[in-house]
Amino acid sequence: MFINMGLYDRVVRGVVGVILGILYFAGVVSGTTALILAVVGLILIATSAVGFCPAYLPFKISTKKEKV
């Protein structure tokens, strides 16, 4: 699979995903907002783990540094 995410992008996504998960499981947010944040958190964690963001493809964005 093509990797289009750099290290910092992956770390930030992972941290934000974990924070959203903590907010959901701690009960800080509730209702529809909680479900939406939980799904967004899962997506952020998944894309961070894989290193691929499908939203970057149409815009040909890559935060991965090219090897010199």
PDB file of N, CA and C in Angstrom:
ATOM      1  N   MET A   1       0.840  -1.176   0.000  1.00  0.00           N
ATOM      2  CA  MET A   1       0.000   0.000   0.000  1.00  0.00           C
ATOM      3  C   MET A   1       0.888   1.243   0.000  1.00  0.00           C
ATOM      4  N   PHE A   2       0.448   2.237  -0.678  1.00  0.00           N
ATOM      5  CA  PHE A   2       1.156   3.511  -0.780  1.00  0.00           C
ATOM      6  C   PHE A   2       1.043   4.260   0.547  1.00  0.00           C
ATOM      7  N   ILE A   3       2.155   4.698   1.095  1.00  0.00           N
ATOM      8  CA  ILE A   3       2.156   5.471   2.339  1.00  0.00           C
ATOM      9  C   ILE A   3       2.277   6.941   1.979  1.00  0.00           C
ATOM     10  N   ASN A   4       1.308   7.744   2.403  1.00  0.00           N
ATOM     11  CA  ASN A   4       1.330   9.163   2.080  1.00  0.00           C
ATOM     12  C   ASN A   4       1.298  10.054   3.326  1.00  0.00           C
ATOM     13  N   MET A   5       1.621   9.474   4.484  1.00  0.00           N
ATOM     14  CA  MET A   5       1.624  10.243   5.725  1.00  0.00           C
ATOM     15  C   MET A   5       3.004  10.198   6.356  1.00  0.00           C
ATOM     16  N   GLY A   6       3.475  11.360   6.764  1.00  0.00           N
ATOM     17  CA  GLY A   6       4.763  11.450   7.436  1.00  0.00           C
ATOM     18  C   GLY A   6       4.642  11.124   8.912  1.00  0.00           C
ATOM     19  N   LEU A   7       5.781  11.111   9.582  1.00  0.00           N
ATOM     20  CA  LEU A   7       5.829  10.738  10.993  1.00  0.00           C
ATOM     21  C   LEU A   7       4.996  11.671  11.863  1.00  0.00           C
ATOM     22  N   TYR A   8       5.169  12.971  11.697  1.00  0.00           N
ATOM     23  CA  TYR A   8       4.446  13.928  12.540  1.00  0.00           C
ATOM     24  C   TYR A   8       2.942  13.855  12.299  1.00  0.00           C
ATOM     25  N   ASP A   9       2.547  13.687  11.069  1.00  0.00           N
ATOM     26  CA  ASP A   9       1.130  13.549  10.723  1.00  0.00           C
ATOM     27  C   ASP A   9       0.537  12.320  11.417  1.00  0.00           C
ATOM     28  N   ARG A  10       1.267  11.218  11.390  1.00  0.00           N
ATOM     29  CA  ARG A  10       0.798   9.987  12.014  1.00  0.00           C
ATOM     30  C   ARG A  10       0.704  10.127  13.528  1.00  0.00           C
ATOM     31  N   VAL A  11       1.693  10.777  14.134  1.00  0.00           N
ATOM     32  CA  VAL A  11       1.696  10.951  15.590  1.00  0.00           C
ATOM     33  C   VAL A  11       0.541  11.841  16.031  1.00  0.00           C
ATOM     34  N   VAL A  12       0.344  12.947  15.339  1.00  0.00           N
ATOM     35  CA  VAL A  12      -0.741  13.869  15.704  1.00  0.00           C
ATOM     36  C   VAL A  12      -2.095  13.180  15.550  1.00  0.00           C
ATOM     37  N   ARG A  13      -2.299  12.459  14.464  1.00  0.00           N
ATOM     38  CA  ARG A  13      -3.561  11.735  14.264  1.00  0.00           C
ATOM     39  C   ARG A  13      -3.776  10.701  15.358  1.00  0.00           C
ATOM     40  N   GLY A  14      -2.732   9.983  15.711  1.00  0.00           N
ATOM     41  CA  GLY A  14      -2.842   8.970  16.758  1.00  0.00           C
ATOM     42  C   GLY A  14      -3.207   9.567  18.107  1.00  0.00           C
ATOM     43  N   VAL A  15      -2.545  10.663  18.459  1.00  0.00           N
ATOM     44  CA  VAL A  15      -2.814  11.317  19.744  1.00  0.00           C
ATOM     45  C   VAL A  15      -4.238  11.869  19.781  1.00  0.00           C
ATOM     46  N   VAL A  16      -4.658  12.533  18.716  1.00  0.00           N
ATOM     47  CA  VAL A  16      -6.021  13.079  18.673  1.00  0.00           C
ATOM     48  C   VAL A  16      -7.052  11.943  18.727  1.00  0.00           C
ATOM     49  N   GLY A  17      -6.784  10.849  18.021  1.00  0.00           N
ATOM     50  CA  GLY A  17      -7.684   9.705  18.052  1.00  0.00           C
ATOM     51  C   GLY A  17      -7.823   9.114  19.447  1.00  0.00           C
ATOM     52  N   VAL A  18      -6.706   8.989  20.151  1.00  0.00           N
ATOM     53  CA  VAL A  18      -6.736   8.467  21.519  1.00  0.00           C
ATOM     54  C   VAL A  18      -7.486   9.414  22.444  1.00  0.00           C
ATOM     55  N   ILE A  19      -7.266  10.709  22.283  1.00  0.00           N
ATOM     56  CA  ILE A  19      -7.981  11.690  23.114  1.00  0.00           C
ATOM     57  C   ILE A  19      -9.490  11.601  22.880  1.00  0.00           C
ATOM     58  N   LEU A  20      -9.898  11.478  21.620  1.00  0.00           N
ATOM     59  CA  LEU A  20     -11.325  11.343  21.330  1.00  0.00           C
ATOM     60  C   LEU A  20     -11.884  10.058  21.932  1.00  0.00           C
ATOM     61  N   GLY A  21     -11.112   8.986  21.900  1.00  0.00           N
ATOM     62  CA  GLY A  21     -11.542   7.737  22.519  1.00  0.00           C
ATOM     63  C   GLY A  21     -11.695   7.875  24.026  1.00  0.00           C
ATOM     64  N   ILE A  22     -10.767   8.562  24.655  1.00  0.00           N
ATOM     65  CA  ILE A  22     -10.851   8.786  26.099  1.00  0.00           C
ATOM     66  C   ILE A  22     -12.087   9.602  26.439  1.00  0.00           C
ATOM     67  N   LEU A  23     -12.358  10.646  25.653  1.00  0.00           N
ATOM     68  CA  LEU A  23     -13.554  11.458  25.897  1.00  0.00           C
ATOM     69  C   LEU A  23     -14.824  10.624  25.790  1.00  0.00           C
ATOM     70  N   TYR A  24     -14.841   9.711  24.810  1.00  0.00           N
ATOM     71  CA  TYR A  24     -16.015   8.863  24.604  1.00  0.00           C
ATOM     72  C   TYR A  24     -16.191   7.884  25.767  1.00  0.00           C
ATOM     73  N   PHE A  25     -15.133   7.151  26.104  1.00  0.00           N
ATOM     74  CA  PHE A  25     -15.245   6.119  27.129  1.00  0.00           C
ATOM     75  C   PHE A  25     -15.358   6.689  28.543  1.00  0.00           C
ATOM     76  N   ALA A  26     -14.880   7.905  28.765  1.00  0.00           N
ATOM     77  CA  ALA A  26     -15.008   8.533  30.075  1.00  0.00           C
ATOM     78  C   ALA A  26     -16.387   9.151  30.261  1.00  0.00           C
ATOM     79  N   GLY A  27     -17.159   9.229  29.201  1.00  0.00           N
ATOM     80  CA  GLY A  27     -18.502   9.788  29.304  1.00  0.00           C
ATOM     81  C   GLY A  27     -18.542  11.301  29.322  1.00  0.00           C
ATOM     82  N   VAL A  28     -17.475  11.936  28.891  1.00  0.00           N
ATOM     83  CA  VAL A  28     -17.430  13.398  28.859  1.00  0.00           C
ATOM     84  C   VAL A  28     -18.404  13.927  27.818  1.00  0.00           C
ATOM     85  N   VAL A  29     -18.499  13.231  26.699  1.00  0.00           N
ATOM     86  CA  VAL A  29     -19.461  13.587  25.658  1.00  0.00           C
ATOM     87  C   VAL A  29     -20.507  12.477  25.589  1.00  0.00           C
ATOM     88  N   SER A  30     -21.694  12.842  25.136  1.00  0.00           N
ATOM     89  CA  SER A  30     -22.759  11.828  25.088  1.00  0.00           C
ATOM     90  C   SER A  30     -23.640  12.064  23.864  1.00  0.00           C
ATOM     91  N   GLY A  31     -24.477  11.082  23.592  1.00  0.00           N
ATOM     92  CA  GLY A  31     -25.429  11.189  22.499  1.00  0.00           C
ATOM     93  C   GLY A  31     -24.782  11.031  21.142  1.00  0.00           C
ATOM     94  N   THR A  32     -25.386  11.702  20.176  1.00  0.00           N
ATOM     95  CA  THR A  32     -24.915  11.623  18.800  1.00  0.00           C
ATOM     96  C   THR A  32     -23.502  12.173  18.660  1.00  0.00           C
ATOM     97  N   THR A  33     -23.204  13.209  19.396  1.00  0.00           N
ATOM     98  CA  THR A  33     -21.863  13.797  19.348  1.00  0.00           C
ATOM     99  C   THR A  33     -20.815  12.776  19.769  1.00  0.00           C
ATOM    100  N   ALA A  34     -21.116  11.994  20.782  1.00  0.00           N
ATOM    101  CA  ALA A  34     -20.184  10.976  21.263  1.00  0.00           C
ATOM    102  C   ALA A  34     -19.939   9.919  20.192  1.00  0.00           C
ATOM    103  N   LEU A  35     -20.987   9.490  19.521  1.00  0.00           N
ATOM    104  CA  LEU A  35     -20.830   8.480  18.480  1.00  0.00           C
ATOM    105  C   LEU A  35     -20.005   9.008  17.315  1.00  0.00           C
ATOM    106  N   ILE A  36     -20.269  10.229  16.915  1.00  0.00           N
ATOM    107  CA  ILE A  36     -19.515  10.833  15.815  1.00  0.00           C
ATOM    108  C   ILE A  36     -18.044  10.971  16.190  1.00  0.00           C
ATOM    109  N   LEU A  37     -17.767  11.438  17.407  1.00  0.00           N
ATOM    110  CA  LEU A  37     -16.376  11.585  17.844  1.00  0.00           C
ATOM    111  C   LEU A  37     -15.683  10.231  17.968  1.00  0.00           C
ATOM    112  N   ALA A  38     -16.398   9.215  18.392  1.00  0.00           N
ATOM    113  CA  ALA A  38     -15.817   7.873  18.492  1.00  0.00           C
ATOM    114  C   ALA A  38     -15.445   7.343  17.108  1.00  0.00           C
ATOM    115  N   VAL A  39     -16.311   7.534  16.138  1.00  0.00           N
ATOM    116  CA  VAL A  39     -16.025   7.071  14.778  1.00  0.00           C
ATOM    117  C   VAL A  39     -14.845   7.848  14.190  1.00  0.00           C
ATOM    118  N   VAL A  40     -14.821   9.147  14.383  1.00  0.00           N
ATOM    119  CA  VAL A  40     -13.714   9.966  13.889  1.00  0.00           C
ATOM    120  C   VAL A  40     -12.407   9.535  14.562  1.00  0.00           C
ATOM    121  N   GLY A  41     -12.464   9.268  15.856  1.00  0.00           N
ATOM    122  CA  GLY A  41     -11.280   8.799  16.576  1.00  0.00           C
ATOM    123  C   GLY A  41     -10.767   7.478  16.039  1.00  0.00           C
ATOM    124  N   LEU A  42     -11.680   6.554  15.748  1.00  0.00           N
ATOM    125  CA  LEU A  42     -11.279   5.266  15.184  1.00  0.00           C
ATOM    126  C   LEU A  42     -10.645   5.428  13.802  1.00  0.00           C
ATOM    127  N   ILE A  43     -11.216   6.306  13.006  1.00  0.00           N
ATOM    128  CA  ILE A  43     -10.655   6.556  11.665  1.00  0.00           C
ATOM    129  C   ILE A  43      -9.262   7.164  11.778  1.00  0.00           C
ATOM    130  N   LEU A  44      -9.088   8.107  12.701  1.00  0.00           N
ATOM    131  CA  LEU A  44      -7.779   8.728  12.880  1.00  0.00           C
ATOM    132  C   LEU A  44      -6.737   7.705  13.337  1.00  0.00           C
ATOM    133  N   ILE A  45      -7.116   6.845  14.260  1.00  0.00           N
ATOM    134  CA  ILE A  45      -6.186   5.828  14.744  1.00  0.00           C
ATOM    135  C   ILE A  45      -5.848   4.837  13.627  1.00  0.00           C
ATOM    136  N   ALA A  46      -6.847   4.442  12.861  1.00  0.00           N
ATOM    137  CA  ALA A  46      -6.618   3.478  11.777  1.00  0.00           C
ATOM    138  C   ALA A  46      -5.699   4.059  10.701  1.00  0.00           C
ATOM    139  N   THR A  47      -5.964   5.294  10.280  1.00  0.00           N
ATOM    140  CA  THR A  47      -5.113   5.891   9.246  1.00  0.00           C
ATOM    141  C   THR A  47      -3.705   6.134   9.777  1.00  0.00           C
ATOM    142  N   SER A  48      -3.594   6.443  11.052  1.00  0.00           N
ATOM    143  CA  SER A  48      -2.282   6.633  11.654  1.00  0.00           C
ATOM    144  C   SER A  48      -1.503   5.327  11.693  1.00  0.00           C
ATOM    145  N   ALA A  49      -2.169   4.248  12.024  1.00  0.00           N
ATOM    146  CA  ALA A  49      -1.500   2.945  12.107  1.00  0.00           C
ATOM    147  C   ALA A  49      -1.050   2.452  10.732  1.00  0.00           C
ATOM    148  N   VAL A  50      -1.867   2.691   9.720  1.00  0.00           N
ATOM    149  CA  VAL A  50      -1.566   2.204   8.377  1.00  0.00           C
ATOM    150  C   VAL A  50      -0.619   3.150   7.638  1.00  0.00           C
ATOM    151  N   GLY A  51      -0.706   4.446   7.919  1.00  0.00           N
ATOM    152  CA  GLY A  51       0.139   5.423   7.241  1.00  0.00           C
ATOM    153  C   GLY A  51      -0.423   5.895   5.916  1.00  0.00           C
ATOM    154  N   PHE A  52      -1.691   5.632   5.690  1.00  0.00           N
ATOM    155  CA  PHE A  52      -2.332   5.986   4.426  1.00  0.00           C
ATOM    156  C   PHE A  52      -3.613   6.749   4.705  1.00  0.00           C
ATOM    157  N   CYS A  53      -3.777   7.905   4.059  1.00  0.00           N
ATOM    158  CA  CYS A  53      -4.988   8.705   4.203  1.00  0.00           C
ATOM    159  C   CYS A  53      -5.669   8.813   2.842  1.00  0.00           C
ATOM    160  N   PRO A  54      -6.839   8.183   2.686  1.00  0.00           N
ATOM    161  CA  PRO A  54      -7.521   8.235   1.398  1.00  0.00           C
ATOM    162  C   PRO A  54      -7.977   9.642   1.009  1.00  0.00           C
ATOM    163  N   ALA A  55      -8.172  10.516   1.980  1.00  0.00           N
ATOM    164  CA  ALA A  55      -8.591  11.886   1.666  1.00  0.00           C
ATOM    165  C   ALA A  55      -7.480  12.680   0.985  1.00  0.00           C
ATOM    166  N   TYR A  56      -6.233  12.241   1.123  1.00  0.00           N
ATOM    167  CA  TYR A  56      -5.113  12.924   0.493  1.00  0.00           C
ATOM    168  C   TYR A  56      -5.014  12.613  -1.002  1.00  0.00           C
ATOM    169  N   LEU A  57      -5.558  11.488  -1.436  1.00  0.00           N
ATOM    170  CA  LEU A  57      -5.392  11.052  -2.825  1.00  0.00           C
ATOM    171  C   LEU A  57      -5.925  12.024  -3.877  1.00  0.00           C
ATOM    172  N   PRO A  58      -7.163  12.506  -3.766  1.00  0.00           N
ATOM    173  CA  PRO A  58      -7.668  13.392  -4.827  1.00  0.00           C
ATOM    174  C   PRO A  58      -6.864  14.684  -4.973  1.00  0.00           C
ATOM    175  N   PHE A  59      -6.234  15.106  -3.890  1.00  0.00           N
ATOM    176  CA  PHE A  59      -5.471  16.350  -3.912  1.00  0.00           C
ATOM    177  C   PHE A  59      -3.978  16.115  -4.112  1.00  0.00           C
ATOM    178  N   LYS A  60      -3.593  14.836  -4.224  1.00  0.00           N
ATOM    179  CA  LYS A  60      -2.191  14.449  -4.408  1.00  0.00           C
ATOM    180  C   LYS A  60      -1.289  15.022  -3.313  1.00  0.00           C
ATOM    181  N   ILE A  61      -1.786  14.963  -2.083  1.00  0.00           N
ATOM    182  CA  ILE A  61      -1.040  15.448  -0.925  1.00  0.00           C
ATOM    183  C   ILE A  61      -0.252  14.295  -0.328  1.00  0.00           C
ATOM    184  N   SER A  62       0.954  14.582   0.096  1.00  0.00           N
ATOM    185  CA  SER A  62       1.756  13.615   0.827  1.00  0.00           C
ATOM    186  C   SER A  62       2.588  14.362   1.851  1.00  0.00           C
ATOM    187  N   THR A  63       2.473  13.972   3.114  1.00  0.00           N
ATOM    188  CA  THR A  63       3.265  14.610   4.164  1.00  0.00           C
ATOM    189  C   THR A  63       4.521  13.800   4.460  1.00  0.00           C
ATOM    190  N   LYS A  64       4.712  12.719   3.725  1.00  0.00           N
ATOM    191  CA  LYS A  64       5.893  11.884   3.908  1.00  0.00           C
ATOM    192  C   LYS A  64       7.079  12.539   3.230  1.00  0.00           C
ATOM    193  N   LYS A  65       8.179  12.620   3.969  1.00  0.00           N
ATOM    194  CA  LYS A  65       9.392  13.190   3.408  1.00  0.00           C
ATOM    195  C   LYS A  65      10.021  12.193   2.465  1.00  0.00           C
ATOM    196  N   GLU A  66      10.411  12.675   1.314  1.00  0.00           N
ATOM    197  CA  GLU A  66      11.075  11.823   0.328  1.00  0.00           C
ATOM    198  C   GLU A  66      12.512  11.589   0.741  1.00  0.00           C
ATOM    199  N   LYS A  67      13.006  10.380   0.520  1.00  0.00           N
ATOM    200  CA  LYS A  67      14.398  10.077   0.826  1.00  0.00           C
ATOM    201  C   LYS A  67      15.288  10.760  -0.195  1.00  0.00           C
ATOM    202  N   VAL A  68      16.344  11.377   0.311  1.00  0.00           N
ATOM    203  CA  VAL A  68      17.270  12.108  -0.565  1.00  0.00           C
ATOM    204  C   VAL A  68      18.372  11.217  -1.038  1.00  0.00           C
TER     205      VAL A  68
END
